[in-house]
Protein backbone atom coordinates (compact mmCIF):
# COMPACT_ATOMS: atom_id res chain seq x y z
CA MET A 1 2.59 -17.29 -14.64
CA ALA A 2 2.44 -15.28 -11.19
CA GLY A 3 3.96 -11.52 -11.54
CA ILE A 4 7.08 -10.58 -8.86
CA ILE A 5 6.91 -7.09 -7.75
CA GLU A 6 9.88 -5.87 -5.59
CA SER A 7 8.89 -3.09 -3.40
CA VAL A 8 12.14 -1.67 -1.85
CA ILE A 9 11.52 1.22 1.02
CA LYS A 10 14.27 3.87 0.10
CA THR A 11 14.90 7.12 1.82
CA SER A 12 14.81 10.87 0.07
CA PRO A 13 17.55 13.03 0.77
CA PHE A 14 15.01 14.98 2.86
CA GLY A 15 14.78 11.99 5.13
CA ARG A 16 10.88 10.79 3.66
CA TRP A 17 11.09 7.05 2.72
CA TYR A 18 9.04 5.88 -0.21
CA ILE A 19 8.65 2.62 -1.82
CA GLU A 20 10.37 2.13 -4.89
CA LEU A 21 8.23 -0.47 -7.32
CA THR A 22 9.94 -3.07 -10.47
CA ASP A 23 7.82 -5.49 -11.87
CA THR A 24 11.08 -8.17 -12.48
CA MET A 25 8.98 -9.66 -15.44
CA LYS A 26 9.14 -6.42 -17.51
CA ASP A 27 11.93 -4.23 -18.61
CA GLU A 28 10.36 -0.94 -17.58
CA GLU A 29 10.89 2.32 -15.11
CA PRO A 30 10.59 1.53 -11.90
CA ILE A 31 6.95 3.01 -9.78
CA ILE A 32 7.76 5.50 -7.21
CA CYS A 33 4.97 5.75 -4.48
CA VAL A 34 5.09 8.16 -2.00
CA ASP A 35 2.33 6.42 0.33
CA VAL A 36 1.04 3.18 1.11
CA TYR A 37 -2.70 4.56 -0.75
CA GLU A 38 -0.57 4.99 -4.17
CA TYR A 39 1.47 1.91 -3.30
CA ALA A 40 -2.30 -0.01 -3.14
CA ASP A 41 -3.39 1.34 -6.19
CA LYS A 42 0.09 0.79 -8.18
CA ILE A 43 -0.38 -3.18 -6.60
CA GLU A 44 -3.35 -3.47 -8.03
CA GLU A 45 -2.85 -2.12 -10.91
CA MET A 46 0.10 -3.94 -11.74
CA GLY A 47 -1.59 -7.34 -10.59
CA LYS A 48 -4.30 -6.76 -13.29
CA GLU A 49 -1.53 -8.15 -16.07
CA TYR A 50 -1.36 -11.05 -14.18
CA ASP A 51 -4.73 -12.01 -13.23
CA GLY A 52 -3.90 -10.69 -9.94
CA ASP A 53 -1.68 -13.65 -9.14
CA ILE A 54 1.68 -12.03 -8.04
CA GLU A 55 4.25 -12.11 -5.34
CA VAL A 56 5.72 -9.34 -3.34
CA ILE A 57 9.09 -9.34 -2.69
CA TRP A 58 10.40 -6.14 0.26
CA SER A 59 13.58 -5.06 0.73
CA SER A 60 14.74 -1.64 1.84
CA ASP A 61 17.76 0.47 0.72
CA GLU A 62 20.92 1.05 2.61
CA GLY A 63 20.26 4.36 4.21
CA VAL A 64 16.41 3.57 5.74
CA THR A 65 16.18 3.15 9.20
CA PRO A 66 14.20 1.17 11.28
CA GLU A 67 12.12 3.99 12.02
CA GLN A 68 11.25 4.59 8.81
CA ILE A 69 10.60 0.70 8.20
CA ASN A 70 8.26 0.47 10.93
CA GLU A 71 6.53 3.73 10.02
CA VAL A 72 5.34 1.57 6.42
CA ARG A 73 4.58 -1.20 8.50
CA MET A 74 2.35 0.67 10.68
CA GLN A 75 0.64 2.24 8.07
CA MET A 76 0.65 -0.80 5.55
CA ASN A 77 -1.42 -2.36 8.84
CA ALA A 78 -3.49 0.32 9.26
CA TYR A 79 -4.63 0.18 5.57
CA GLU A 80 -5.11 -3.29 5.58
CA ALA A 81 -7.49 -2.68 8.78
CA GLU A 82 -9.28 0.27 6.67
CA GLN A 83 -9.91 -2.24 3.78
CA GLU A 84 -11.03 -4.96 5.81
CA ALA A 85 -13.65 -2.87 7.88
CA ILE A 86 -15.05 -1.85 4.11
CA ARG A 87 -15.34 -4.72 3.02
CA ASN A 88 -17.15 -6.02 5.98
CA GLY A 89 -19.33 -3.25 6.13
CA GLU A 90 -18.83 -2.40 9.76
CA SER A 91 -19.81 1.54 10.61
CA HIS A 92 -16.23 2.58 11.78
CA LEU A 93 -12.83 1.79 10.54
CA ALA A 94 -10.27 0.44 13.06
CA ASP A 95 -9.39 3.74 14.46
CA GLY A 96 -12.54 4.53 15.20
CA THR A 97 -13.35 6.80 11.80
CA PRO A 98 -16.65 6.10 10.41
CA ASN A 99 -16.58 4.44 7.72
CA PHE A 100 -18.15 6.68 5.01
CA ASN A 101 -19.11 4.33 2.37
CA ASP A 102 -21.79 3.05 4.93
CA PRO A 103 -24.86 5.13 3.98
CA ALA A 104 -26.14 4.60 7.83
CA ASN A 105 -23.34 7.55 8.73
CA TYR A 106 -25.28 9.71 6.75
CA GLU A 107 -28.08 12.04 8.53
CA ASP A 108 -31.00 12.63 6.19
CA ALA A 109 -31.31 16.36 5.83
């Protein structure tokens, strides 16, 4: 059976966005993620319980600005591009950063 994970973009009193994850198949406290790397790790971890068969439902809370939603979207796109470059063994990531997982980027000392 597929798991359903709710991802809700929220904003703190300080104006910083975060993502609250809830596994709708369980009665547990939500998980708070403060960046897309933490979010990706938690989604992967939660997905293991369902053999990777999950559906992610996105929404945003009241008070979340369009700029915050766009920032999350842009960071998620950058994360996906980075992961794809790593999977493909490219020497540089999409933003031009060297792929430090590629041994060709290290010089012999």
